[in-house]
Amino acid sequence: MRDSDIKHMPVVIFFACLDLEQKFLFMDGHYLLEEFNMKKIVFISLAFLLLYPVMSNAANTEKIKIAVASNDKTAKGSVSNKAAKCPYYLMFDGKGEMTEVIDNPYWDASRGAGPSAANFLARQGVTLVIAGNFGSKMINTLKSKDITHFEFKGLVDDAVKRVLK
């Protein structure tokens, strides 16, 4: 089941319960479902409605892979001003923990660094890229790969905290 299918489930369950209530309360003049059971069904569907955003957010943070363009190999370093020509990409998970440091193979490219770096990050499974500045070609390539970009000036740690808020 896809996320897009799941996000509508609470509403479907809730209205199905309301429909059940109308169909089964009186059939041939007899009360078929006990009021207690119907209240339990409605309570469960409402609980699911309220808890779904929390569960969905938790699942989404596990899917996030952040690449921060960096001038240093540590999270205490600064975010690079150049998204495509930075020396390193620091990789973070959805919890904000650094998982690896990757040398940027396109940091000294004379042409086409933006699209090449974007494709490289897509192959790494990145879902979000943070840098000081992005070129238009890199932005277009990131968009075509469904990768979000975020401009940030400051420390790498601060950038990751900001996007995970």
C-alpha atoms as a PDB file:
ATOM      1  CA  MET A   1       0.000   0.000   0.000  1.00  0.00           C
ATOM      2  CA  ARG A   2       1.354   3.450  -0.927  1.00  0.00           C
ATOM      3  CA  ASP A   3       1.455   6.479   1.411  1.00  0.00           C
ATOM      4  CA  SER A   4      -1.113   8.202  -0.806  1.00  0.00           C
ATOM      5  CA  ASP A   5      -3.510   5.276  -0.234  1.00  0.00           C
ATOM      6  CA  ILE A   6      -2.890   5.159   3.503  1.00  0.00           C
ATOM      7  CA  LYS A   7      -3.444   8.854   4.148  1.00  0.00           C
ATOM      8  CA  HIS A   8      -7.116   8.542   3.188  1.00  0.00           C
ATOM      9  CA  MET A   9      -7.776   5.446   5.332  1.00  0.00           C
ATOM     10  CA  PRO A  10      -8.890   7.264   8.511  1.00  0.00           C
ATOM     11  CA  VAL A  11     -11.545   9.185   6.605  1.00  0.00           C
ATOM     12  CA  VAL A  12     -12.739   6.038   4.814  1.00  0.00           C
ATOM     13  CA  ILE A  13     -12.945   4.124   8.107  1.00  0.00           C
ATOM     14  CA  PHE A  14     -14.791   6.956   9.840  1.00  0.00           C
ATOM     15  CA  PHE A  15     -17.431   7.323   7.118  1.00  0.00           C
ATOM     16  CA  ALA A  16     -17.774   3.570   6.762  1.00  0.00           C
ATOM     17  CA  CYS A  17     -18.568   3.418  10.487  1.00  0.00           C
ATOM     18  CA  LEU A  18     -21.152   6.158  10.144  1.00  0.00           C
ATOM     19  CA  ASP A  19     -22.676   4.313   7.197  1.00  0.00           C
ATOM     20  CA  LEU A  20     -22.730   1.073   9.221  1.00  0.00           C
ATOM     21  CA  GLU A  21     -24.501   2.873  12.019  1.00  0.00           C
ATOM     22  CA  GLN A  22     -27.244   4.040   9.679  1.00  0.00           C
ATOM     23  CA  LYS A  23     -27.658   0.617   8.026  1.00  0.00           C
ATOM     24  CA  PHE A  24     -27.606  -1.505  11.158  1.00  0.00           C
ATOM     25  CA  LEU A  25     -29.312   0.612  13.782  1.00  0.00           C
ATOM     26  CA  PHE A  26     -32.737  -0.295  12.527  1.00  0.00           C
ATOM     27  CA  MET A  27     -33.459  -3.029  10.076  1.00  0.00           C
ATOM     28  CA  ASP A  28     -37.019  -4.248  10.016  1.00  0.00           C
ATOM     29  CA  GLY A  29     -37.562  -2.175  13.152  1.00  0.00           C
ATOM     30  CA  HIS A  30     -34.969  -4.121  15.159  1.00  0.00           C
ATOM     31  CA  TYR A  31     -31.798  -2.788  16.693  1.00  0.00           C
ATOM     32  CA  LEU A  32     -29.048  -5.002  15.198  1.00  0.00           C
ATOM     33  CA  LEU A  33     -25.816  -3.591  16.630  1.00  0.00           C
ATOM     34  CA  GLU A  34     -25.411  -2.798  20.252  1.00  0.00           C
ATOM     35  CA  GLU A  35     -24.785   0.855  20.943  1.00  0.00           C
ATOM     36  CA  PHE A  36     -21.589  -0.078  22.802  1.00  0.00           C
ATOM     37  CA  ASN A  37     -20.104  -1.783  19.725  1.00  0.00           C
ATOM     38  CA  MET A  38     -20.937   1.152  17.479  1.00  0.00           C
ATOM     39  CA  LYS A  39     -19.353   3.576  19.940  1.00  0.00           C
ATOM     40  CA  LYS A  40     -16.237   1.389  20.017  1.00  0.00           C
ATOM     41  CA  ILE A  41     -15.979   1.428  16.202  1.00  0.00           C
ATOM     42  CA  VAL A  42     -16.422   5.204  16.060  1.00  0.00           C
ATOM     43  CA  PHE A  43     -13.879   5.678  18.884  1.00  0.00           C
ATOM     44  CA  ILE A  44     -11.281   3.518  17.100  1.00  0.00           C
ATOM     45  CA  SER A  45     -11.751   5.356  13.816  1.00  0.00           C
ATOM     46  CA  LEU A  46     -11.458   8.749  15.539  1.00  0.00           C
ATOM     47  CA  ALA A  47      -8.326   7.591  17.387  1.00  0.00           C
ATOM     48  CA  PHE A  48      -6.850   6.500  14.066  1.00  0.00           C
ATOM     49  CA  LEU A  49      -7.745   9.886  12.570  1.00  0.00           C
ATOM     50  CA  LEU A  50      -5.887  11.660  15.361  1.00  0.00           C
ATOM     51  CA  LEU A  51      -2.860   9.335  15.492  1.00  0.00           C
ATOM     52  CA  TYR A  52      -2.294   8.995  11.755  1.00  0.00           C
ATOM     53  CA  PRO A  53      -0.356  12.288  11.346  1.00  0.00           C
ATOM     54  CA  VAL A  54       2.008  11.244  14.147  1.00  0.00           C
ATOM     55  CA  MET A  55       2.554   7.777  12.656  1.00  0.00           C
ATOM     56  CA  SER A  56       2.940   9.212   9.158  1.00  0.00           C
ATOM     57  CA  ASN A  57       5.523  11.753  10.299  1.00  0.00           C
ATOM     58  CA  ALA A  58       7.528   9.052  12.074  1.00  0.00           C
ATOM     59  CA  ALA A  59       7.525   6.929   8.913  1.00  0.00           C
ATOM     60  CA  ASN A  60       8.567   9.906   6.788  1.00  0.00           C
ATOM     61  CA  THR A  61      11.581  10.742   8.962  1.00  0.00           C
ATOM     62  CA  GLU A  62      12.889   7.227   8.331  1.00  0.00           C
ATOM     63  CA  LYS A  63      12.734   7.828   4.572  1.00  0.00           C
ATOM     64  CA  ILE A  64      14.621  11.133   4.678  1.00  0.00           C
ATOM     65  CA  LYS A  65      18.230  11.225   3.542  1.00  0.00           C
ATOM     66  CA  ILE A  66      19.820  14.649   3.751  1.00  0.00           C
ATOM     67  CA  ALA A  67      22.962  15.737   1.912  1.00  0.00           C
ATOM     68  CA  VAL A  68      24.603  18.921   3.162  1.00  0.00           C
ATOM     69  CA  ALA A  69      27.148  20.626   0.907  1.00  0.00           C
ATOM     70  CA  SER A  70      30.045  21.258   3.251  1.00  0.00           C
ATOM     71  CA  ASN A  71      33.507  22.797   3.336  1.00  0.00           C
ATOM     72  CA  ASP A  72      34.598  20.398   6.104  1.00  0.00           C
ATOM     73  CA  LYS A  73      34.200  16.735   6.965  1.00  0.00           C
ATOM     74  CA  THR A  74      32.488  17.456  10.307  1.00  0.00           C
ATOM     75  CA  ALA A  75      28.992  18.555  11.249  1.00  0.00           C
ATOM     76  CA  LYS A  76      30.532  21.498  13.127  1.00  0.00           C
ATOM     77  CA  GLY A  77      31.825  22.907   9.836  1.00  0.00           C
ATOM     78  CA  SER A  78      30.122  25.457   7.621  1.00  0.00           C
ATOM     79  CA  VAL A  79      27.608  24.839   4.869  1.00  0.00           C
ATOM     80  CA  SER A  80      29.279  25.405   1.511  1.00  0.00           C
ATOM     81  CA  ASN A  81      28.145  28.331  -0.576  1.00  0.00           C
ATOM     82  CA  LYS A  82      28.366  26.151  -3.694  1.00  0.00           C
ATOM     83  CA  ALA A  83      25.944  23.229  -3.872  1.00  0.00           C
ATOM     84  CA  ALA A  84      27.570  21.545  -6.865  1.00  0.00           C
ATOM     85  CA  LYS A  85      31.216  22.500  -6.301  1.00  0.00           C
ATOM     86  CA  CYS A  86      31.538  21.845  -2.577  1.00  0.00           C
ATOM     87  CA  PRO A  87      34.376  19.571  -1.446  1.00  0.00           C
ATOM     88  CA  TYR A  88      32.132  17.221   0.587  1.00  0.00           C
ATOM     89  CA  TYR A  89      28.569  16.067   1.084  1.00  0.00           C
ATOM     90  CA  LEU A  90      27.716  15.160   4.663  1.00  0.00           C
ATOM     91  CA  MET A  91      24.884  12.621   4.773  1.00  0.00           C
ATOM     92  CA  PHE A  92      22.284  12.622   7.553  1.00  0.00           C
ATOM     93  CA  ASP A  93      19.321  10.391   8.338  1.00  0.00           C
ATOM     94  CA  GLY A  94      15.833  11.559   9.307  1.00  0.00           C
ATOM     95  CA  LYS A  95      16.845  11.722  12.967  1.00  0.00           C
ATOM     96  CA  GLY A  96      19.610  14.224  12.257  1.00  0.00           C
ATOM     97  CA  GLU A  97      22.472  11.789  12.774  1.00  0.00           C
ATOM     98  CA  MET A  98      25.412  11.977  10.385  1.00  0.00           C
ATOM     99  CA  THR A  99      25.781   8.661   8.584  1.00  0.00           C
ATOM    100  CA  GLU A 100      28.661   9.280   6.185  1.00  0.00           C
ATOM    101  CA  VAL A 101      30.919  11.791   4.454  1.00  0.00           C
ATOM    102  CA  ILE A 102      31.179  11.621   0.673  1.00  0.00           C
ATOM    103  CA  ASP A 103      33.811  13.374  -1.413  1.00  0.00           C
ATOM    104  CA  ASN A 104      32.142  15.368  -4.178  1.00  0.00           C
ATOM    105  CA  PRO A 105      33.454  13.969  -7.475  1.00  0.00           C
ATOM    106  CA  TYR A 106      32.344  17.145  -9.298  1.00  0.00           C
ATOM    107  CA  TRP A 107      33.902  19.800  -7.036  1.00  0.00           C
ATOM    108  CA  ASP A 108      36.459  20.757  -9.709  1.00  0.00           C
ATOM    109  CA  ALA A 109      34.347  20.186 -12.832  1.00  0.00           C
ATOM    110  CA  SER A 110      34.763  22.915 -15.426  1.00  0.00           C
ATOM    111  CA  ARG A 111      31.246  22.458 -16.862  1.00  0.00           C
ATOM    112  CA  GLY A 112      27.996  20.746 -15.917  1.00  0.00           C
ATOM    113  CA  ALA A 113      28.769  20.385 -12.223  1.00  0.00           C
ATOM    114  CA  GLY A 114      25.175  21.179 -11.150  1.00  0.00           C
ATOM    115  CA  PRO A 115      23.299  18.482 -13.087  1.00  0.00           C
ATOM    116  CA  SER A 116      26.123  15.970 -12.541  1.00  0.00           C
ATOM    117  CA  ALA A 117      26.142  16.535  -8.772  1.00  0.00           C
ATOM    118  CA  ALA A 118      22.329  16.356  -8.639  1.00  0.00           C
ATOM    119  CA  ASN A 119      22.324  13.027 -10.491  1.00  0.00           C
ATOM    120  CA  PHE A 120      25.115  11.747  -8.226  1.00  0.00           C
ATOM    121  CA  LEU A 121      23.081  12.651  -5.106  1.00  0.00           C
ATOM    122  CA  ALA A 122      19.965  11.028  -6.578  1.00  0.00           C
ATOM    123  CA  ARG A 123      21.925   7.782  -7.043  1.00  0.00           C
ATOM    124  CA  GLN A 124      22.898   8.013  -3.354  1.00  0.00           C
ATOM    125  CA  GLY A 125      19.179   8.053  -2.415  1.00  0.00           C
ATOM    126  CA  VAL A 126      19.185  11.662  -1.197  1.00  0.00           C
ATOM    127  CA  THR A 127      15.763  13.280  -0.666  1.00  0.00           C
ATOM    128  CA  LEU A 128      16.911  16.743   0.498  1.00  0.00           C
ATOM    129  CA  VAL A 129      20.000  18.821  -0.322  1.00  0.00           C
ATOM    130  CA  ILE A 130      21.161  21.781   1.763  1.00  0.00           C
ATOM    131  CA  ALA A 131      23.653  24.387   0.513  1.00  0.00           C
ATOM    132  CA  GLY A 132      24.292  28.122   0.616  1.00  0.00           C
ATOM    133  CA  ASN A 133      23.420  28.624  -3.057  1.00  0.00           C
ATOM    134  CA  PHE A 134      22.139  26.480  -5.924  1.00  0.00           C
ATOM    135  CA  GLY A 135      22.524  27.059  -9.639  1.00  0.00           C
ATOM    136  CA  SER A 136      19.425  26.957 -11.818  1.00  0.00           C
ATOM    137  CA  LYS A 137      20.561  23.821 -13.690  1.00  0.00           C
ATOM    138  CA  MET A 138      21.129  21.953 -10.452  1.00  0.00           C
ATOM    139  CA  ILE A 139      17.718  23.071  -9.143  1.00  0.00           C
ATOM    140  CA  ASN A 140      16.023  21.836 -12.322  1.00  0.00           C
ATOM    141  CA  THR A 141      17.783  18.476 -12.143  1.00  0.00           C
ATOM    142  CA  LEU A 142      16.948  18.076  -8.431  1.00  0.00           C
ATOM    143  CA  LYS A 143      13.286  18.864  -9.153  1.00  0.00           C
ATOM    144  CA  SER A 144      13.211  16.295 -11.963  1.00  0.00           C
ATOM    145  CA  LYS A 145      14.454  13.700  -9.443  1.00  0.00           C
ATOM    146  CA  ASP A 146      11.907  14.777  -6.773  1.00  0.00           C
ATOM    147  CA  ILE A 147      14.695  16.019  -4.495  1.00  0.00           C
ATOM    148  CA  THR A 148      14.037  19.069  -2.351  1.00  0.00           C
ATOM    149  CA  HIS A 149      16.649  21.806  -2.041  1.00  0.00           C
ATOM    150  CA  PHE A 150      17.072  24.184   0.890  1.00  0.00           C
ATOM    151  CA  GLU A 151      19.333  27.240   0.997  1.00  0.00           C
ATOM    152  CA  PHE A 152      21.056  27.839   4.318  1.00  0.00           C
ATOM    153  CA  LYS A 153      24.059  29.842   5.452  1.00  0.00           C
ATOM    154  CA  GLY A 154      25.722  28.779   8.684  1.00  0.00           C
ATOM    155  CA  LEU A 155      26.840  25.606  10.405  1.00  0.00           C
ATOM    156  CA  VAL A 156      25.938  22.150   9.091  1.00  0.00           C
ATOM    157  CA  ASP A 157      24.437  21.081  12.468  1.00  0.00           C
ATOM    158  CA  ASP A 158      22.167  24.137  12.490  1.00  0.00           C
ATOM    159  CA  ALA A 159      21.035  23.504   8.922  1.00  0.00           C
ATOM    160  CA  VAL A 160      20.017  19.915   9.662  1.00  0.00           C
ATOM    161  CA  LYS A 161      18.174  20.931  12.820  1.00  0.00           C
ATOM    162  CA  ARG A 162      16.329  23.632  10.877  1.00  0.00           C
ATOM    163  CA  VAL A 163      15.026  21.314   8.165  1.00  0.00           C
ATOM    164  CA  LEU A 164      13.990  18.607  10.634  1.00  0.00           C
ATOM    165  CA  LYS A 165      11.915  20.996  12.775  1.00  0.00           C
END
